[in-house]
Each structure stands twice: as C-alpha cells, then as structure tokens.
C-alpha cells in the first residue's frame, strides 16, 4: 500500500501475504537536496494479550541502522503522572 502525504512525504506499507502482518514501513521525504528515506522492518511477531506484536524492530535511515529487540511487551500499563510533570526550575 502506498500513499502521499502533504509536504512531499511518500509512505509505503508492506504486509506479509500469509499472515497479513506489517513487515515494512518505508517513508521518503523529498527535499531540495534530494530524497531522505527511513525504513522500519518488523519481525518476530508474538501474541500479546491477543494482539500480534513485533518483538524486533529495525530502523534504517540515511545515516544509521538501529535494532530494538524486546524480551517482554505489555499493553495498557499505567503510567505515573509524575513522569509528565514539568522539571523543577522551568
């Protein structure tokens, strides 16, 4: 599936034919200096609370590659409101 958003952004989503799960998201941004691209690959899907969730996410952009591997994922966990408090002195 491919579409264009405002501002010269093109996004493409690739799904696995058998499972229907998202395997890649590619985003391209047209700039005066050329195209900038970011690719996100999703792998190692496992069920979490009945939802297939990727436990490995690889992000590739024009200057780096990073891989995040998760050993545990939990949905809808409470977040301490203090994490959103403005730092002292600001």
C-alpha atoms as a PDB file:
ATOM      1  CA  UNK A   1       0.000   0.000   0.000  1.00  0.00           C
ATOM      2  CA  UNK A   2       1.426   3.409  -0.904  1.00  0.00           C
ATOM      3  CA  UNK A   3       0.244   6.949  -0.368  1.00  0.00           C
ATOM      4  CA  UNK A   4       1.416  10.530  -0.321  1.00  0.00           C
ATOM      5  CA  UNK A   5       1.011  12.984   2.500  1.00  0.00           C
ATOM      6  CA  UNK A   6       1.376  16.737   2.399  1.00  0.00           C
ATOM      7  CA  UNK A   7       4.853  18.170   2.216  1.00  0.00           C
ATOM      8  CA  UNK A   8       6.358  15.729  -0.278  1.00  0.00           C
ATOM      9  CA  UNK A   9       6.174  12.684   2.008  1.00  0.00           C
ATOM     10  CA  UNK A  10       5.554   9.270   0.421  1.00  0.00           C
ATOM     11  CA  UNK A  11       4.781   6.322   2.675  1.00  0.00           C
ATOM     12  CA  UNK A  12       4.671   2.658   1.714  1.00  0.00           C
ATOM     13  CA  UNK A  13       3.420  -0.206   3.893  1.00  0.00           C
ATOM     14  CA  UNK A  14       4.301  -3.823   3.040  1.00  0.00           C
ATOM     15  CA  UNK A  15       2.335  -6.714   4.527  1.00  0.00           C
ATOM     16  CA  UNK A  16       3.068 -10.450   4.659  1.00  0.00           C
ATOM     17  CA  UNK A  17       0.760 -12.263   2.223  1.00  0.00           C
ATOM     18  CA  UNK A  18       0.051 -15.209   4.523  1.00  0.00           C
ATOM     19  CA  UNK A  19      -0.259 -13.574   7.940  1.00  0.00           C
ATOM     20  CA  UNK A  20      -1.380 -10.072   6.910  1.00  0.00           C
ATOM     21  CA  UNK A  21       1.112  -8.590   9.393  1.00  0.00           C
ATOM     22  CA  UNK A  22       3.040  -5.398   8.656  1.00  0.00           C
ATOM     23  CA  UNK A  23       6.643  -6.284   7.772  1.00  0.00           C
ATOM     24  CA  UNK A  24       7.994  -2.961   6.462  1.00  0.00           C
ATOM     25  CA  UNK A  25       7.176   0.734   6.553  1.00  0.00           C
ATOM     26  CA  UNK A  26       9.113   2.991   4.184  1.00  0.00           C
ATOM     27  CA  UNK A  27       8.893   6.777   4.324  1.00  0.00           C
ATOM     28  CA  UNK A  28      10.503   9.050   1.737  1.00  0.00           C
ATOM     29  CA  UNK A  29      10.724  12.816   2.086  1.00  0.00           C
ATOM     30  CA  UNK A  30      11.521  14.948  -0.949  1.00  0.00           C
ATOM     31  CA  UNK A  31      13.903  17.793  -0.092  1.00  0.00           C
ATOM     32  CA  UNK A  32      15.753  20.363  -2.231  1.00  0.00           C
ATOM     33  CA  UNK A  33      18.949  18.333  -1.579  1.00  0.00           C
ATOM     34  CA  UNK A  34      17.384  15.020  -2.648  1.00  0.00           C
ATOM     35  CA  UNK A  35      15.253  12.328  -1.108  1.00  0.00           C
ATOM     36  CA  UNK A  36      15.600  11.255   2.529  1.00  0.00           C
ATOM     37  CA  UNK A  37      14.394   7.756   3.352  1.00  0.00           C
ATOM     38  CA  UNK A  38      13.584   5.897   6.553  1.00  0.00           C
ATOM     39  CA  UNK A  39      12.739   2.200   6.572  1.00  0.00           C
ATOM     40  CA  UNK A  40      11.297   0.313   9.546  1.00  0.00           C
ATOM     41  CA  UNK A  41      11.240  -3.512   9.457  1.00  0.00           C
ATOM     42  CA  UNK A  42       9.092  -5.505  11.885  1.00  0.00           C
ATOM     43  CA  UNK A  43       9.911  -9.115  12.789  1.00  0.00           C
ATOM     44  CA  UNK A  44       9.472 -11.835  15.410  1.00  0.00           C
ATOM     45  CA  UNK A  45       5.747 -11.299  15.925  1.00  0.00           C
ATOM     46  CA  UNK A  46       4.273 -12.925  19.037  1.00  0.00           C
ATOM     47  CA  UNK A  47       0.802 -12.733  20.574  1.00  0.00           C
ATOM     48  CA  UNK A  48       0.476 -10.264  23.478  1.00  0.00           C
ATOM     49  CA  UNK A  49      -2.996 -10.011  25.015  1.00  0.00           C
ATOM     50  CA  UNK A  50      -4.415 -11.479  21.781  1.00  0.00           C
ATOM     51  CA  UNK A  51      -2.619  -8.959  19.537  1.00  0.00           C
ATOM     52  CA  UNK A  52       0.296  -9.948  17.279  1.00  0.00           C
ATOM     53  CA  UNK A  53       3.169  -7.686  18.353  1.00  0.00           C
ATOM     54  CA  UNK A  54       6.651  -7.331  16.804  1.00  0.00           C
ATOM     55  CA  UNK A  55       9.453  -8.151  19.235  1.00  0.00           C
ATOM     56  CA  UNK A  56      12.158  -6.970  16.831  1.00  0.00           C
ATOM     57  CA  UNK A  57      12.156  -3.568  15.116  1.00  0.00           C
ATOM     58  CA  UNK A  58      14.952  -2.429  12.775  1.00  0.00           C
ATOM     59  CA  UNK A  59      15.122   1.255  11.783  1.00  0.00           C
ATOM     60  CA  UNK A  60      17.324   2.234   8.844  1.00  0.00           C
ATOM     61  CA  UNK A  61      17.784   5.839   7.760  1.00  0.00           C
ATOM     62  CA  UNK A  62      20.265   7.798   5.660  1.00  0.00           C
ATOM     63  CA  UNK A  63      22.954   7.652   8.338  1.00  0.00           C
ATOM     64  CA  UNK A  64      22.356   4.740  10.696  1.00  0.00           C
ATOM     65  CA  UNK A  65      20.767   1.382  11.463  1.00  0.00           C
ATOM     66  CA  UNK A  66      19.338   0.526  14.872  1.00  0.00           C
ATOM     67  CA  UNK A  67      17.765  -2.708  16.060  1.00  0.00           C
ATOM     68  CA  UNK A  68      15.463  -2.953  19.059  1.00  0.00           C
ATOM     69  CA  UNK A  69      14.798  -6.440  20.436  1.00  0.00           C
ATOM     70  CA  UNK A  70      12.192  -6.786  23.153  1.00  0.00           C
ATOM     71  CA  UNK A  71      12.038  -9.658  25.632  1.00  0.00           C
ATOM     72  CA  UNK A  72       8.721  -8.561  27.119  1.00  0.00           C
ATOM     73  CA  UNK A  73       5.863  -6.349  25.913  1.00  0.00           C
ATOM     74  CA  UNK A  74       2.851  -5.264  27.975  1.00  0.00           C
ATOM     75  CA  UNK A  75      -0.097  -3.258  26.663  1.00  0.00           C
ATOM     76  CA  UNK A  76      -2.075  -0.605  28.557  1.00  0.00           C
ATOM     77  CA  UNK A  77       0.193  -0.341  31.579  1.00  0.00           C
ATOM     78  CA  UNK A  78      -0.476   2.575  33.969  1.00  0.00           C
ATOM     79  CA  UNK A  79       1.975   5.483  33.737  1.00  0.00           C
ATOM     80  CA  UNK A  80       2.860   7.532  36.793  1.00  0.00           C
ATOM     81  CA  UNK A  81       1.527  11.087  36.163  1.00  0.00           C
ATOM     82  CA  UNK A  82       4.751  12.411  37.716  1.00  0.00           C
ATOM     83  CA  UNK A  83       6.596  11.437  34.516  1.00  0.00           C
ATOM     84  CA  UNK A  84       4.717  14.237  32.768  1.00  0.00           C
ATOM     85  CA  UNK A  85       5.447  16.900  35.402  1.00  0.00           C
ATOM     86  CA  UNK A  86       7.463  19.939  34.346  1.00  0.00           C
ATOM     87  CA  UNK A  87      11.038  19.769  35.702  1.00  0.00           C
ATOM     88  CA  UNK A  88      11.769  21.989  38.696  1.00  0.00           C
ATOM     89  CA  UNK A  89      13.007  25.471  37.831  1.00  0.00           C
ATOM     90  CA  UNK A  90      11.268  25.709  34.465  1.00  0.00           C
END
